[in-house]
Amino acid sequence: MKNPRRMMIVVAGLVAVGGLFGCGREAPAEKTTAASGNAVTEAVGQAAVDAVKVPMDKARQTEGVLEKSAEQSAAEINKGTR
């Protein structure tokens, strides 16, 4: 029989070479899928902006209404004291 140590080295080398060839990279996906993914990302981003912006706009409108109400209340109080 041949030297077992030499046989192990050959087998290990063959396994290593087979592993290198077996681990090939996949072909990259088409560019159209990346573009549609980008559109989805932009839509989600815009939805997030709208989710913050709409309540802020409503709060600004409410603030204006409250200021007018406070001015009216102050005017009524001033009328009552005169």
C-alpha atoms as a PDB file:
ATOM      1  CA  MET A   1       0.000   0.000   0.000  1.00  0.00           C
ATOM      2  CA  LYS A   2       1.053   3.600  -0.559  1.00  0.00           C
ATOM      3  CA  ASN A   3       1.877   6.041   2.158  1.00  0.00           C
ATOM      4  CA  PRO A   4      -1.444   6.950   3.906  1.00  0.00           C
ATOM      5  CA  ARG A   5      -0.229  10.423   4.731  1.00  0.00           C
ATOM      6  CA  ARG A   6       0.398  11.203   1.074  1.00  0.00           C
ATOM      7  CA  MET A   7      -3.050   9.868   0.178  1.00  0.00           C
ATOM      8  CA  MET A   8      -4.706  12.125   2.781  1.00  0.00           C
ATOM      9  CA  ILE A   9      -2.916  15.173   1.370  1.00  0.00           C
ATOM     10  CA  VAL A  10      -4.101  14.335  -2.155  1.00  0.00           C
ATOM     11  CA  VAL A  11      -7.690  13.805  -0.992  1.00  0.00           C
ATOM     12  CA  ALA A  12      -7.645  17.051   0.994  1.00  0.00           C
ATOM     13  CA  GLY A  13      -6.277  18.918  -2.038  1.00  0.00           C
ATOM     14  CA  LEU A  14      -8.990  17.476  -4.283  1.00  0.00           C
ATOM     15  CA  VAL A  15     -11.677  18.453  -1.788  1.00  0.00           C
ATOM     16  CA  ALA A  16     -10.273  21.989  -1.582  1.00  0.00           C
ATOM     17  CA  VAL A  17     -10.160  22.389  -5.376  1.00  0.00           C
ATOM     18  CA  GLY A  18     -13.664  20.948  -5.684  1.00  0.00           C
ATOM     19  CA  GLY A  19     -14.897  23.383  -3.058  1.00  0.00           C
ATOM     20  CA  LEU A  20     -13.382  26.354  -4.890  1.00  0.00           C
ATOM     21  CA  PHE A  21     -15.077  25.423  -8.146  1.00  0.00           C
ATOM     22  CA  GLY A  22     -18.356  24.534  -6.439  1.00  0.00           C
ATOM     23  CA  CYS A  23     -18.704  27.904  -4.711  1.00  0.00           C
ATOM     24  CA  GLY A  24     -19.300  29.948  -7.849  1.00  0.00           C
ATOM     25  CA  ARG A  25     -21.147  33.240  -7.575  1.00  0.00           C
ATOM     26  CA  GLU A  26     -24.639  33.521  -8.955  1.00  0.00           C
ATOM     27  CA  ALA A  27     -25.307  35.803 -11.894  1.00  0.00           C
ATOM     28  CA  PRO A  28     -26.433  39.278 -10.793  1.00  0.00           C
ATOM     29  CA  ALA A  29     -30.140  40.023 -10.979  1.00  0.00           C
ATOM     30  CA  GLU A  30     -31.478  42.183 -13.773  1.00  0.00           C
ATOM     31  CA  LYS A  31     -31.377  45.946 -13.386  1.00  0.00           C
ATOM     32  CA  THR A  32     -35.180  46.221 -13.693  1.00  0.00           C
ATOM     33  CA  THR A  33     -35.693  44.522 -10.341  1.00  0.00           C
ATOM     34  CA  ALA A  34     -33.364  47.035  -8.713  1.00  0.00           C
ATOM     35  CA  ALA A  35     -35.259  49.919 -10.284  1.00  0.00           C
ATOM     36  CA  SER A  36     -38.623  48.618  -9.103  1.00  0.00           C
ATOM     37  CA  GLY A  37     -37.170  48.075  -5.625  1.00  0.00           C
ATOM     38  CA  ASN A  38     -36.000  51.684  -5.654  1.00  0.00           C
ATOM     39  CA  ALA A  39     -39.516  52.859  -6.557  1.00  0.00           C
ATOM     40  CA  VAL A  40     -40.932  50.885  -3.644  1.00  0.00           C
ATOM     41  CA  THR A  41     -38.348  52.400  -1.316  1.00  0.00           C
ATOM     42  CA  GLU A  42     -39.217  55.897  -2.515  1.00  0.00           C
ATOM     43  CA  ALA A  43     -42.940  55.243  -2.038  1.00  0.00           C
ATOM     44  CA  VAL A  44     -42.365  53.999   1.504  1.00  0.00           C
ATOM     45  CA  GLY A  45     -40.162  57.005   2.238  1.00  0.00           C
ATOM     46  CA  GLN A  46     -42.816  59.397   0.942  1.00  0.00           C
ATOM     47  CA  ALA A  47     -45.462  57.643   3.053  1.00  0.00           C
ATOM     48  CA  ALA A  48     -43.265  58.128   6.119  1.00  0.00           C
ATOM     49  CA  VAL A  49     -42.841  61.833   5.335  1.00  0.00           C
ATOM     50  CA  ASP A  50     -46.601  62.201   4.855  1.00  0.00           C
ATOM     51  CA  ALA A  51     -47.246  60.378   8.124  1.00  0.00           C
ATOM     52  CA  VAL A  52     -45.251  63.063   9.929  1.00  0.00           C
ATOM     53  CA  LYS A  53     -46.221  66.045   7.792  1.00  0.00           C
ATOM     54  CA  VAL A  54     -50.025  65.663   7.896  1.00  0.00           C
ATOM     55  CA  PRO A  55     -50.327  65.707  11.713  1.00  0.00           C
ATOM     56  CA  MET A  56     -47.912  68.661  11.845  1.00  0.00           C
ATOM     57  CA  ASP A  57     -50.086  70.611   9.385  1.00  0.00           C
ATOM     58  CA  LYS A  58     -53.199  69.794  11.404  1.00  0.00           C
ATOM     59  CA  ALA A  59     -51.455  70.934  14.584  1.00  0.00           C
ATOM     60  CA  ARG A  60     -50.513  74.246  12.946  1.00  0.00           C
ATOM     61  CA  GLN A  61     -54.135  74.784  11.899  1.00  0.00           C
ATOM     62  CA  THR A  62     -55.326  73.985  15.400  1.00  0.00           C
ATOM     63  CA  GLU A  63     -52.772  76.382  16.821  1.00  0.00           C
ATOM     64  CA  GLY A  64     -54.181  79.182  14.680  1.00  0.00           C
ATOM     65  CA  VAL A  65     -57.730  78.380  15.794  1.00  0.00           C
ATOM     66  CA  LEU A  66     -56.672  78.382  19.445  1.00  0.00           C
ATOM     67  CA  GLU A  67     -54.909  81.740  19.058  1.00  0.00           C
ATOM     68  CA  LYS A  68     -58.038  83.284  17.523  1.00  0.00           C
ATOM     69  CA  SER A  69     -60.147  81.776  20.278  1.00  0.00           C
ATOM     70  CA  ALA A  70     -57.823  83.191  22.929  1.00  0.00           C
ATOM     71  CA  GLU A  71     -57.994  86.628  21.302  1.00  0.00           C
ATOM     72  CA  GLN A  72     -61.793  86.450  21.201  1.00  0.00           C
ATOM     73  CA  SER A  73     -61.923  85.398  24.842  1.00  0.00           C
ATOM     74  CA  ALA A  74     -59.630  88.258  25.819  1.00  0.00           C
ATOM     75  CA  ALA A  75     -61.782  90.697  23.847  1.00  0.00           C
ATOM     76  CA  GLU A  76     -64.944  89.467  25.591  1.00  0.00           C
ATOM     77  CA  ILE A  77     -63.285  89.804  29.002  1.00  0.00           C
ATOM     78  CA  ASN A  78     -62.189  93.354  28.155  1.00  0.00           C
ATOM     79  CA  LYS A  79     -65.765  94.211  27.083  1.00  0.00           C
ATOM     80  CA  GLY A  80     -67.123  92.908  30.365  1.00  0.00           C
ATOM     81  CA  THR A  81     -64.739  94.964  32.489  1.00  0.00           C
ATOM     82  CA  ARG A  82     -65.517  98.264  30.708  1.00  0.00           C
END
